Every structure is written in structure tokens, then in C-alpha cells.
């Protein structure tokens, strides 16, 4: 079962706390800022557990919101899988700072982390806008909230 609706809500909920009054996100050097992004926002779309399903994960390779790096996670217990139609469209995303390879689709790389510079953050936000658009398009028409 795909979980686009829950993923959109989670991403939008995380972003809302980062926006300033002009709906921009200003990069901060605080540890809290980088941890917030690492845990609550998406880093990659990747397959897990030979299920044939693709999962949207954070920088810790956990479902969005799960931050303990050492914690073992049963991904089937979380609403983080995406539909095949979403995955096909996400594979077509132009990634300014990301990477696509056999391991998955990475929305940014270690050298282009969005908490390192305002330009990387702006590139990441554009990627998130496109990702949210894809996920939202694959939800039921009556359930299409879009924050970005």
C-alpha cells in the first residue's frame, strides 16, 4: 500500500516549522537545524527488504521522523512506501544537488546538504516542491493539500 497522503502531511508539517514570515527557509549553523532536516525531511527513495516496494527515507535511512541511528526499523510498520507511479515520476526529477543510481534516488549528497548553504537549501526546496507535486498528484483528488 502506498502512503503518499501521509508522506505529504509529514513533509509539509516539518516544513511549516522552518518557514519564516516570507515562506523562506534560512540556513542556520545550529546543530538543531541540521538534525531537524536529517530526521524530518526526505533524503532518498530506496528499496528495502526485498519487498519490491520503494520507501521515502530520511538522512538516517529511517522513515521520516525516526531519528535514532541505531534503532532497527521494520519499514512495513511505517507509512513511508510510495506507489510505482510515484516512483516512475520521481525517477524523472531533475536533481540539481542529488544523485540517481542503483541504490536509489538521493535528493542531495554529502557535499550538497541543504543545511550547509543557502544555495543548497534553495535547490533542495525546489526538489521538495516537485516531489510534493508528484506525491500529491497520486493522492485522491479530494485529498490534495499542497503547502509549497
Protein backbone atom coordinates (compact mmCIF):
# COMPACT_ATOMS: atom_id res chain seq x y z
CA UNK A 1 0.00 0.00 0.00
CA UNK A 2 1.36 3.40 -0.96
CA UNK A 3 1.36 6.18 1.60
CA UNK A 4 1.53 9.38 -0.42
CA UNK A 5 -1.07 11.16 1.72
CA UNK A 6 0.83 10.53 4.97
CA UNK A 7 4.16 11.45 3.39
CA UNK A 8 2.81 14.76 2.09
CA UNK A 9 1.41 15.60 5.53
CA UNK A 10 4.70 14.71 7.24
CA UNK A 11 6.84 16.76 4.84
CA UNK A 12 4.52 19.76 4.91
CA UNK A 13 4.30 19.58 8.70
CA UNK A 14 8.08 19.59 9.01
CA UNK A 15 8.50 22.47 6.55
CA UNK A 16 5.94 24.69 8.24
CA UNK A 17 8.15 24.98 11.32
CA UNK A 18 11.13 26.10 9.24
CA UNK A 19 9.46 28.81 7.17
CA UNK A 20 10.00 32.44 8.09
CA UNK A 21 7.32 35.12 7.57
CA UNK A 22 8.16 35.25 3.84
CA UNK A 23 7.77 31.46 3.49
CA UNK A 24 11.52 31.05 3.06
CA UNK A 25 13.89 28.80 4.99
CA UNK A 26 17.08 30.46 6.14
CA UNK A 27 20.02 28.14 6.72
CA UNK A 28 21.27 28.03 10.29
CA UNK A 29 24.56 26.67 11.61
CA UNK A 30 22.84 25.25 14.69
CA UNK A 31 23.02 21.53 15.33
CA UNK A 32 19.25 21.53 15.90
CA UNK A 33 18.65 22.83 12.35
CA UNK A 34 20.70 20.10 10.66
CA UNK A 35 19.27 17.33 12.87
CA UNK A 36 15.73 18.57 12.18
CA UNK A 37 16.27 18.33 8.44
CA UNK A 38 18.14 15.00 8.69
CA UNK A 39 15.29 13.36 10.62
CA UNK A 40 12.06 15.02 9.45
CA UNK A 41 12.64 15.68 5.75
CA UNK A 42 13.29 13.23 2.90
CA UNK A 43 16.76 12.28 1.74
CA UNK A 44 16.21 9.32 -0.58
CA UNK A 45 13.80 6.97 -2.29
CA UNK A 46 15.21 3.48 -1.95
CA UNK A 47 14.12 -0.19 -1.95
CA UNK A 48 14.09 -2.11 1.31
CA UNK A 49 13.82 -5.71 2.46
CA UNK A 50 13.34 -7.27 -0.97
CA UNK A 51 9.68 -6.26 -0.81
CA UNK A 52 9.69 -4.77 -4.28
CA UNK A 53 8.46 -1.55 -2.68
CA UNK A 54 10.18 1.80 -2.66
CA UNK A 55 10.43 3.83 0.53
CA UNK A 56 10.96 7.53 1.19
CA UNK A 57 13.55 7.82 3.96
CA UNK A 58 15.39 10.49 5.92
CA UNK A 59 19.17 11.03 6.09
CA UNK A 60 19.42 8.29 8.72
CA UNK A 61 17.80 5.85 6.24
CA UNK A 62 14.77 5.67 8.52
CA UNK A 63 11.14 6.64 7.92
CA UNK A 64 10.56 10.38 8.21
CA UNK A 65 10.55 11.37 11.87
CA UNK A 66 12.57 8.41 13.17
CA UNK A 67 15.91 9.75 14.36
CA UNK A 68 17.74 7.10 16.35
CA UNK A 69 20.50 5.93 14.02
CA UNK A 70 20.99 2.70 15.98
CA UNK A 71 17.32 1.77 16.06
CA UNK A 72 16.37 -1.19 13.86
CA UNK A 73 13.24 -0.35 11.89
CA UNK A 74 10.63 -2.60 10.32
CA UNK A 75 9.73 -0.33 7.42
CA UNK A 76 6.43 -2.10 6.86
CA UNK A 77 5.23 -0.66 10.18
CA UNK A 78 5.61 2.91 8.87
CA UNK A 79 3.71 4.80 6.22
CA UNK A 80 6.69 5.53 4.03
CA UNK A 81 6.23 3.44 0.88
CA UNK A 82 5.39 5.11 -2.40
CA UNK A 83 3.40 3.83 -5.35
CA UNK A 84 5.01 2.58 -8.53
CA UNK A 85 3.51 5.52 -10.42
CA UNK A 86 5.07 8.00 -7.97
CA UNK A 87 8.44 6.24 -8.22
CA UNK A 88 8.41 6.39 -12.03
CA UNK A 89 7.78 10.16 -11.92
CA UNK A 90 10.33 10.75 -9.15
CA UNK A 91 12.97 8.96 -11.26
CA UNK A 92 12.42 11.67 -13.87
CA UNK A 93 13.05 14.56 -11.45
CA UNK A 94 15.92 16.83 -12.47
CA UNK A 95 18.12 16.83 -9.36
CA UNK A 96 20.39 19.85 -9.07
CA UNK A 97 22.18 18.55 -5.98
CA UNK A 98 21.00 14.95 -5.98
CA UNK A 99 22.04 11.67 -7.45
CA UNK A 100 20.34 8.67 -9.08
CA UNK A 101 21.96 5.26 -9.05
CA UNK A 102 21.17 1.58 -8.47
CA UNK A 103 20.82 2.19 -4.72
CA UNK A 104 18.07 4.77 -5.16
CA UNK A 105 17.28 8.41 -5.76
CA UNK A 106 19.09 10.81 -3.45
CA UNK A 107 17.66 14.32 -3.13
CA UNK A 108 21.04 15.69 -2.06
CA UNK A 109 24.55 14.39 -1.47
CA UNK A 110 27.00 14.75 1.41
CA UNK A 111 28.67 17.64 -0.40
CA UNK A 112 25.34 19.40 -1.06
CA UNK A 113 23.49 19.01 2.26
CA UNK A 114 20.77 21.67 2.49
CA UNK A 115 21.97 22.79 5.93
CA UNK A 116 25.43 23.69 4.57
CA UNK A 117 24.50 26.65 2.36
CA UNK A 118 21.54 28.76 1.33
CA UNK A 119 22.02 27.75 -2.32
CA UNK A 120 21.88 24.05 -1.45
CA UNK A 121 18.76 24.73 0.66
CA UNK A 122 17.10 26.57 -2.23
CA UNK A 123 17.92 23.68 -4.60
CA UNK A 124 16.57 21.18 -2.07
CA UNK A 125 13.35 23.16 -1.61
CA UNK A 126 12.79 23.17 -5.37
CA UNK A 127 13.29 19.40 -5.41
CA UNK A 128 10.84 19.06 -2.49
CA UNK A 129 8.26 21.18 -4.36
CA UNK A 130 8.48 18.80 -7.30
CA UNK A 131 8.42 15.73 -5.04
CA UNK A 132 5.33 17.01 -3.21
CA UNK A 133 3.67 17.72 -6.53
CA UNK A 134 4.23 14.12 -7.64
CA UNK A 135 3.05 12.63 -4.35
CA UNK A 136 0.01 14.91 -4.27
CA UNK A 137 -0.93 14.03 -7.86
CA UNK A 138 -1.04 10.38 -6.86
CA UNK A 139 -3.40 11.00 -3.94
CA UNK A 140 -7.18 11.03 -4.32
CA UNK A 141 -8.34 14.28 -5.95
CA UNK A 142 -10.27 15.33 -2.84
CA UNK A 143 -7.18 14.98 -0.64
CA UNK A 144 -4.67 17.30 -2.25
CA UNK A 145 -3.19 19.77 0.27
CA UNK A 146 -0.09 21.47 -1.06
CA UNK A 147 1.96 23.78 1.14
CA UNK A 148 4.80 24.64 -1.24
